[in-house]
Amino acid sequence: MRNQRRIKGGQAALKLTAIQKVLWGLAGIATLAFAWLVLWPDDRAGQSREDATAFRAAFELTDHQGMVRTQNDFSGRWMLVFFGFTNCPDICPTTLSEVATVMEGLGNQADKVQPIFVTVDPERDTPAALAEFVPLFDAGIIGLTGTPEQIARTSETFPIYFERIEDAAAPDGYTMGHTSHLLLFDPEAGFAESWSYGTPAEDILADLRERI
């Protein structure tokens, strides 16, 4: 009887260990999945460096002066592009301030680069709203907006991600989650480089000078 109990106890222990291994495996998978969901928006921009031909800028949007613009308007120039929104509390103004520093640092080469700010919040970011926002950075930044459908189509040709996030504490009850990379496209509108949020303007400037 005692041996039988030991055998049964051992079998139960084995079953428990097997169940624990399964649960631990599932927990590991869940952790990896969560990390992927958190990091994917910016990781998409990073991965695209490995295949620069995968993304080619294509858009038809309205600028902050009411003019329709396409990528062809900037043919022959490098495009320094950032996707964000005017109600962004920190990442967007910080990045655009860095862009302004970069443009100033380029000096007489600045005319070879066009900085562009594309909104991911067309519901609020009308041309008029952008006209109040982008001049604050005094860097010749062109703000672009359009219908939600136009913004969605545009996003497919850039290595970016965005989504609306309901937030009762935010203006109008929502905010926008979006890729925080600053993107560089070459004079033929092909993807060339991206810099993660927080990259010093000096590093971006040094990279740009080598390219242009």
C-alpha atoms as a PDB file:
ATOM      1  CA  MET A   1       0.000   0.000   0.000  1.00  0.00           C
ATOM      2  CA  ARG A   2       2.780   2.354   0.953  1.00  0.00           C
ATOM      3  CA  ASN A   3       4.555   1.661  -2.351  1.00  0.00           C
ATOM      4  CA  GLN A   4       1.320   2.227  -4.260  1.00  0.00           C
ATOM      5  CA  ARG A   5       0.884   5.572  -2.529  1.00  0.00           C
ATOM      6  CA  ARG A   6       4.440   6.512  -3.472  1.00  0.00           C
ATOM      7  CA  ILE A   7       3.789   5.541  -7.077  1.00  0.00           C
ATOM      8  CA  LYS A   8       0.543   7.537  -7.162  1.00  0.00           C
ATOM      9  CA  GLY A   9       2.258  10.468  -5.468  1.00  0.00           C
ATOM     10  CA  GLY A  10       5.078  10.328  -7.994  1.00  0.00           C
ATOM     11  CA  GLN A  11       2.631  10.206 -10.878  1.00  0.00           C
ATOM     12  CA  ALA A  12       0.768  13.214  -9.475  1.00  0.00           C
ATOM     13  CA  ALA A  13       4.042  15.082  -9.134  1.00  0.00           C
ATOM     14  CA  LEU A  14       4.942  14.280 -12.724  1.00  0.00           C
ATOM     15  CA  LYS A  15       1.529  15.465 -13.902  1.00  0.00           C
ATOM     16  CA  LEU A  16       1.911  18.690 -11.907  1.00  0.00           C
ATOM     17  CA  THR A  17       5.378  19.271 -13.317  1.00  0.00           C
ATOM     18  CA  ALA A  18       4.086  18.755 -16.856  1.00  0.00           C
ATOM     19  CA  ILE A  19       1.219  21.171 -16.249  1.00  0.00           C
ATOM     20  CA  GLN A  20       3.614  23.714 -14.768  1.00  0.00           C
ATOM     21  CA  LYS A  21       5.860  23.421 -17.808  1.00  0.00           C
ATOM     22  CA  VAL A  22       2.901  24.050 -20.099  1.00  0.00           C
ATOM     23  CA  LEU A  23       1.787  27.040 -18.048  1.00  0.00           C
ATOM     24  CA  TRP A  24       5.306  28.447 -17.965  1.00  0.00           C
ATOM     25  CA  GLY A  25       5.551  27.991 -21.717  1.00  0.00           C
ATOM     26  CA  LEU A  26       2.248  29.782 -22.261  1.00  0.00           C
ATOM     27  CA  ALA A  27       3.345  32.567 -19.924  1.00  0.00           C
ATOM     28  CA  GLY A  28       6.561  32.945 -21.904  1.00  0.00           C
ATOM     29  CA  ILE A  29       4.659  33.128 -25.165  1.00  0.00           C
ATOM     30  CA  ALA A  30       2.288  35.722 -23.693  1.00  0.00           C
ATOM     31  CA  THR A  31       5.236  37.809 -22.499  1.00  0.00           C
ATOM     32  CA  LEU A  32       6.860  37.709 -25.924  1.00  0.00           C
ATOM     33  CA  ALA A  33       3.569  38.590 -27.597  1.00  0.00           C
ATOM     34  CA  PHE A  34       3.085  41.558 -25.272  1.00  0.00           C
ATOM     35  CA  ALA A  35       6.627  42.771 -25.941  1.00  0.00           C
ATOM     36  CA  TRP A  36       6.031  42.461 -29.680  1.00  0.00           C
ATOM     37  CA  LEU A  37       2.839  44.504 -29.464  1.00  0.00           C
ATOM     38  CA  VAL A  38       4.591  47.214 -27.465  1.00  0.00           C
ATOM     39  CA  LEU A  39       7.718  47.398 -29.607  1.00  0.00           C
ATOM     40  CA  TRP A  40       6.277  46.729 -33.077  1.00  0.00           C
ATOM     41  CA  PRO A  41       5.324  50.333 -33.936  1.00  0.00           C
ATOM     42  CA  ASP A  42       8.919  51.577 -33.700  1.00  0.00           C
ATOM     43  CA  ASP A  43      10.495  48.245 -34.611  1.00  0.00           C
ATOM     44  CA  ARG A  44       8.813  48.418 -38.015  1.00  0.00           C
ATOM     45  CA  ALA A  45      10.812  51.533 -38.798  1.00  0.00           C
ATOM     46  CA  GLY A  46      14.004  49.890 -37.573  1.00  0.00           C
ATOM     47  CA  GLN A  47      13.493  46.704 -39.566  1.00  0.00           C
ATOM     48  CA  SER A  48      12.913  48.622 -42.788  1.00  0.00           C
ATOM     49  CA  ARG A  49      16.536  49.777 -42.760  1.00  0.00           C
ATOM     50  CA  GLU A  50      17.392  46.240 -43.851  1.00  0.00           C
ATOM     51  CA  ASP A  51      15.262  46.618 -46.974  1.00  0.00           C
ATOM     52  CA  ALA A  52      15.243  50.265 -48.021  1.00  0.00           C
ATOM     53  CA  THR A  53      13.288  49.507 -51.182  1.00  0.00           C
ATOM     54  CA  ALA A  54      10.353  48.136 -49.182  1.00  0.00           C
ATOM     55  CA  PHE A  55       8.961  51.611 -48.579  1.00  0.00           C
ATOM     56  CA  ARG A  56       8.610  54.399 -51.102  1.00  0.00           C
ATOM     57  CA  ALA A  57       6.866  57.570 -50.017  1.00  0.00           C
ATOM     58  CA  ALA A  58       3.590  58.185 -51.831  1.00  0.00           C
ATOM     59  CA  PHE A  59       0.991  60.695 -50.733  1.00  0.00           C
ATOM     60  CA  GLU A  60      -1.538  63.261 -51.880  1.00  0.00           C
ATOM     61  CA  LEU A  61      -2.342  65.476 -48.914  1.00  0.00           C
ATOM     62  CA  THR A  62      -3.174  69.090 -48.129  1.00  0.00           C
ATOM     63  CA  ASP A  63      -0.497  71.267 -46.571  1.00  0.00           C
ATOM     64  CA  HIS A  64      -0.953  73.857 -43.816  1.00  0.00           C
ATOM     65  CA  GLN A  65      -1.481  76.569 -46.433  1.00  0.00           C
ATOM     66  CA  GLY A  66      -4.284  74.689 -48.166  1.00  0.00           C
ATOM     67  CA  MET A  67      -2.237  73.453 -51.134  1.00  0.00           C
ATOM     68  CA  VAL A  68      -2.401  69.846 -52.346  1.00  0.00           C
ATOM     69  CA  ARG A  69       1.009  68.215 -52.148  1.00  0.00           C
ATOM     70  CA  THR A  70       2.453  64.936 -53.400  1.00  0.00           C
ATOM     71  CA  GLN A  71       5.868  63.323 -53.072  1.00  0.00           C
ATOM     72  CA  ASN A  72       6.650  64.633 -56.570  1.00  0.00           C
ATOM     73  CA  ASP A  73       6.709  68.198 -55.233  1.00  0.00           C
ATOM     74  CA  PHE A  74       9.894  67.284 -53.353  1.00  0.00           C
ATOM     75  CA  SER A  75      11.599  65.295 -56.099  1.00  0.00           C
ATOM     76  CA  GLY A  76      15.343  65.865 -55.997  1.00  0.00           C
ATOM     77  CA  ARG A  77      15.312  66.733 -52.295  1.00  0.00           C
ATOM     78  CA  TRP A  78      15.713  64.623 -49.198  1.00  0.00           C
ATOM     79  CA  MET A  79      12.549  64.398 -47.099  1.00  0.00           C
ATOM     80  CA  LEU A  80      12.828  64.400 -43.311  1.00  0.00           C
ATOM     81  CA  VAL A  81       9.425  63.074 -42.257  1.00  0.00           C
ATOM     82  CA  PHE A  82       7.735  62.757 -38.882  1.00  0.00           C
ATOM     83  CA  PHE A  83       4.235  61.444 -38.187  1.00  0.00           C
ATOM     84  CA  GLY A  84       2.463  62.871 -35.142  1.00  0.00           C
ATOM     85  CA  PHE A  85      -0.342  65.177 -34.025  1.00  0.00           C
ATOM     86  CA  THR A  86      -0.650  68.715 -32.719  1.00  0.00           C
ATOM     87  CA  ASN A  87      -2.118  67.679 -29.351  1.00  0.00           C
ATOM     88  CA  CYS A  88       0.876  65.444 -28.669  1.00  0.00           C
ATOM     89  CA  PRO A  89       2.200  66.484 -25.234  1.00  0.00           C
ATOM     90  CA  ASP A  90       5.889  65.628 -25.569  1.00  0.00           C
ATOM     91  CA  ILE A  91       7.253  63.352 -28.299  1.00  0.00           C
ATOM     92  CA  CYS A  92       6.061  65.442 -31.257  1.00  0.00           C
ATOM     93  CA  PRO A  93       7.197  68.899 -30.100  1.00  0.00           C
ATOM     94  CA  THR A  94      10.486  67.462 -28.865  1.00  0.00           C
ATOM     95  CA  THR A  95      11.178  65.742 -32.186  1.00  0.00           C
ATOM     96  CA  LEU A  96      10.204  68.784 -34.250  1.00  0.00           C
ATOM     97  CA  SER A  97      12.493  70.911 -32.094  1.00  0.00           C
ATOM     98  CA  GLU A  98      15.291  68.472 -32.945  1.00  0.00           C
ATOM     99  CA  VAL A  99      14.376  68.785 -36.613  1.00  0.00           C
ATOM    100  CA  ALA A 100      14.650  72.568 -36.309  1.00  0.00           C
ATOM    101  CA  THR A 101      18.118  72.189 -34.785  1.00  0.00           C
ATOM    102  CA  VAL A 102      19.143  69.852 -37.609  1.00  0.00           C
ATOM    103  CA  MET A 103      17.883  72.239 -40.297  1.00  0.00           C
ATOM    104  CA  GLU A 104      19.728  75.146 -38.719  1.00  0.00           C
ATOM    105  CA  GLY A 105      22.885  73.057 -38.515  1.00  0.00           C
ATOM    106  CA  LEU A 106      22.743  72.208 -42.208  1.00  0.00           C
ATOM    107  CA  GLY A 107      23.409  75.834 -43.076  1.00  0.00           C
ATOM    108  CA  ASN A 108      23.680  76.364 -46.842  1.00  0.00           C
ATOM    109  CA  GLN A 109      22.784  72.678 -47.391  1.00  0.00           C
ATOM    110  CA  ALA A 110      19.343  73.118 -45.828  1.00  0.00           C
ATOM    111  CA  ASP A 111      17.747  73.660 -49.230  1.00  0.00           C
ATOM    112  CA  LYS A 112      18.541  70.017 -50.062  1.00  0.00           C
ATOM    113  CA  VAL A 113      16.256  68.772 -47.276  1.00  0.00           C
ATOM    114  CA  GLN A 114      12.520  69.291 -46.779  1.00  0.00           C
ATOM    115  CA  PRO A 115      11.185  68.636 -43.263  1.00  0.00           C
ATOM    116  CA  ILE A 116       7.595  67.335 -43.291  1.00  0.00           C
ATOM    117  CA  PHE A 117       5.115  66.766 -40.475  1.00  0.00           C
ATOM    118  CA  VAL A 118       2.236  64.416 -41.331  1.00  0.00           C
ATOM    119  CA  THR A 119      -0.651  64.301 -38.883  1.00  0.00           C
ATOM    120  CA  VAL A 120      -2.123  60.996 -37.730  1.00  0.00           C
ATOM    121  CA  ASP A 121      -5.077  62.898 -36.257  1.00  0.00           C
ATOM    122  CA  PRO A 122      -6.875  64.438 -39.244  1.00  0.00           C
ATOM    123  CA  GLU A 123     -10.089  64.822 -37.241  1.00  0.00           C
ATOM    124  CA  ARG A 124      -8.525  67.670 -35.253  1.00  0.00           C
ATOM    125  CA  ASP A 125      -5.502  68.615 -37.321  1.00  0.00           C
ATOM    126  CA  THR A 126      -7.027  70.676 -40.111  1.00  0.00           C
ATOM    127  CA  PRO A 127      -4.842  72.868 -42.334  1.00  0.00           C
ATOM    128  CA  ALA A 128      -5.729  75.785 -40.044  1.00  0.00           C
ATOM    129  CA  ALA A 129      -4.610  73.861 -36.947  1.00  0.00           C
ATOM    130  CA  LEU A 130      -1.358  72.891 -38.640  1.00  0.00           C
ATOM    131  CA  ALA A 131      -0.849  76.501 -39.749  1.00  0.00           C
ATOM    132  CA  GLU A 132      -0.747  77.489 -36.088  1.00  0.00           C
ATOM    133  CA  PHE A 133       1.452  74.563 -35.069  1.00  0.00           C
ATOM    134  CA  VAL A 134       4.297  74.000 -37.533  1.00  0.00           C
ATOM    135  CA  PRO A 135       5.521  77.640 -37.740  1.00  0.00           C
ATOM    136  CA  LEU A 136       6.266  77.467 -34.007  1.00  0.00           C
ATOM    137  CA  PHE A 137       9.401  75.510 -34.850  1.00  0.00           C
ATOM    138  CA  ASP A 138      10.658  77.983 -37.478  1.00  0.00           C
ATOM    139  CA  ALA A 139      12.349  75.353 -39.631  1.00  0.00           C
ATOM    140  CA  GLY A 140      10.435  75.493 -42.912  1.00  0.00           C
ATOM    141  CA  ILE A 141       8.429  72.446 -41.863  1.00  0.00           C
ATOM    142  CA  ILE A 142       5.478  71.616 -44.106  1.00  0.00           C
ATOM    143  CA  GLY A 143       2.461  70.239 -42.266  1.00  0.00           C
ATOM    144  CA  LEU A 144       0.273  67.751 -44.133  1.00  0.00           C
ATOM    145  CA  THR A 145      -3.231  66.526 -43.429  1.00  0.00           C
ATOM    146  CA  GLY A 146      -6.155  64.967 -45.293  1.00  0.00           C
ATOM    147  CA  THR A 147      -9.161  62.757 -44.818  1.00  0.00           C
ATOM    148  CA  PRO A 148      -8.845  59.714 -42.541  1.00  0.00           C
ATOM    149  CA  GLU A 149      -8.791  57.568 -45.675  1.00  0.00           C
ATOM    150  CA  GLN A 150      -5.964  59.606 -47.193  1.00  0.00           C
ATOM    151  CA  ILE A 151      -3.913  59.386 -44.013  1.00  0.00           C
ATOM    152  CA  ALA A 152      -4.488  55.623 -43.854  1.00  0.00           C
ATOM    153  CA  ARG A 153      -3.350  55.193 -47.473  1.00  0.00           C
ATOM    154  CA  THR A 154      -0.314  57.368 -46.866  1.00  0.00           C
ATOM    155  CA  SER A 155       0.714  55.375 -43.799  1.00  0.00           C
ATOM    156  CA  GLU A 156       0.945  52.224 -45.911  1.00  0.00           C
ATOM    157  CA  THR A 157       3.867  53.663 -47.875  1.00  0.00           C
ATOM    158  CA  PHE A 158       5.819  54.623 -44.760  1.00  0.00           C
ATOM    159  CA  PRO A 159       7.245  52.333 -42.038  1.00  0.00           C
ATOM    160  CA  ILE A 160       4.881  53.715 -39.400  1.00  0.00           C
ATOM    161  CA  TYR A 161       2.008  52.709 -37.156  1.00  0.00           C
ATOM    162  CA  PHE A 162      -0.712  54.745 -35.467  1.00  0.00           C
ATOM    163  CA  GLU A 163      -3.957  54.232 -33.598  1.00  0.00           C
ATOM    164  CA  ARG A 164      -6.569  56.216 -31.716  1.00  0.00           C
ATOM    165  CA  ILE A 165      -6.560  55.603 -27.953  1.00  0.00           C
ATOM    166  CA  GLU A 166      -9.541  56.576 -25.847  1.00  0.00           C
ATOM    167  CA  ASP A 167      -8.391  58.618 -22.847  1.00  0.00           C
ATOM    168  CA  ALA A 168     -10.842  60.599 -20.747  1.00  0.00           C
ATOM    169  CA  ALA A 169      -8.041  62.820 -19.447  1.00  0.00           C
ATOM    170  CA  ALA A 170      -6.874  63.847 -22.942  1.00  0.00           C
ATOM    171  CA  PRO A 171      -8.309  66.701 -25.027  1.00  0.00           C
ATOM    172  CA  ASP A 172     -11.598  65.596 -26.641  1.00  0.00           C
ATOM    173  CA  GLY A 173     -11.359  62.307 -24.752  1.00  0.00           C
ATOM    174  CA  TYR A 174      -8.700  60.620 -26.877  1.00  0.00           C
ATOM    175  CA  THR A 175      -5.043  60.634 -27.804  1.00  0.00           C
ATOM    176  CA  MET A 176      -2.998  59.012 -30.567  1.00  0.00           C
ATOM    177  CA  GLY A 177      -0.438  56.246 -30.302  1.00  0.00           C
ATOM    178  CA  HIS A 178       2.130  56.414 -33.127  1.00  0.00           C
ATOM    179  CA  THR A 179       5.611  55.518 -34.272  1.00  0.00           C
ATOM    180  CA  SER A 180       8.096  57.953 -32.789  1.00  0.00           C
ATOM    181  CA  HIS A 181      10.881  57.477 -35.360  1.00  0.00           C
ATOM    182  CA  LEU A 182      12.068  60.355 -37.514  1.00  0.00           C
ATOM    183  CA  LEU A 183      12.247  59.088 -41.104  1.00  0.00           C
ATOM    184  CA  LEU A 184      14.535  60.026 -43.969  1.00  0.00           C
ATOM    185  CA  PHE A 185      13.638  59.510 -47.645  1.00  0.00           C
ATOM    186  CA  ASP A 186      16.063  60.048 -50.487  1.00  0.00           C
ATOM    187  CA  PRO A 187      15.602  62.389 -53.499  1.00  0.00           C
ATOM    188  CA  GLU A 188      13.737  59.586 -55.322  1.00  0.00           C
ATOM    189  CA  ALA A 189      11.329  59.162 -52.366  1.00  0.00           C
ATOM    190  CA  GLY A 190      12.894  55.865 -51.293  1.00  0.00           C
ATOM    191  CA  PHE A 191      13.338  55.020 -47.639  1.00  0.00           C
ATOM    192  CA  ALA A 192      16.896  55.775 -46.521  1.00  0.00           C
ATOM    193  CA  GLU A 193      17.112  55.861 -42.722  1.00  0.00           C
ATOM    194  CA  SER A 194      15.231  56.291 -39.457  1.00  0.00           C
ATOM    195  CA  TRP A 195      16.227  57.581 -36.054  1.00  0.00           C
ATOM    196  CA  SER A 196      14.530  56.549 -32.838  1.00  0.00           C
ATOM    197  CA  TYR A 197      13.009  59.090 -30.481  1.00  0.00           C
ATOM    198  CA  GLY A 198      15.676  60.744 -28.385  1.00  0.00           C
ATOM    199  CA  THR A 199      18.462  60.529 -30.975  1.00  0.00           C
ATOM    200  CA  PRO A 200      20.501  63.735 -30.490  1.00  0.00           C
ATOM    201  CA  ALA A 201      20.196  66.317 -33.254  1.00  0.00           C
ATOM    202  CA  GLU A 202      23.997  66.244 -33.582  1.00  0.00           C
ATOM    203  CA  ASP A 203      23.909  62.561 -34.557  1.00  0.00           C
ATOM    204  CA  ILE A 204      21.135  63.100 -37.102  1.00  0.00           C
ATOM    205  CA  LEU A 205      22.961  66.096 -38.536  1.00  0.00           C
ATOM    206  CA  ALA A 206      26.223  64.165 -38.893  1.00  0.00           C
ATOM    207  CA  ASP A 207      24.416  61.338 -40.713  1.00  0.00           C
ATOM    208  CA  LEU A 208      22.632  63.755 -43.034  1.00  0.00           C
ATOM    209  CA  ARG A 209      25.799  65.607 -43.944  1.00  0.00           C
ATOM    210  CA  GLU A 210      27.434  62.355 -45.029  1.00  0.00           C
ATOM    211  CA  ARG A 211      24.467  61.583 -47.310  1.00  0.00           C
ATOM    212  CA  ILE A 212      23.805  64.916 -48.959  1.00  0.00           C
END
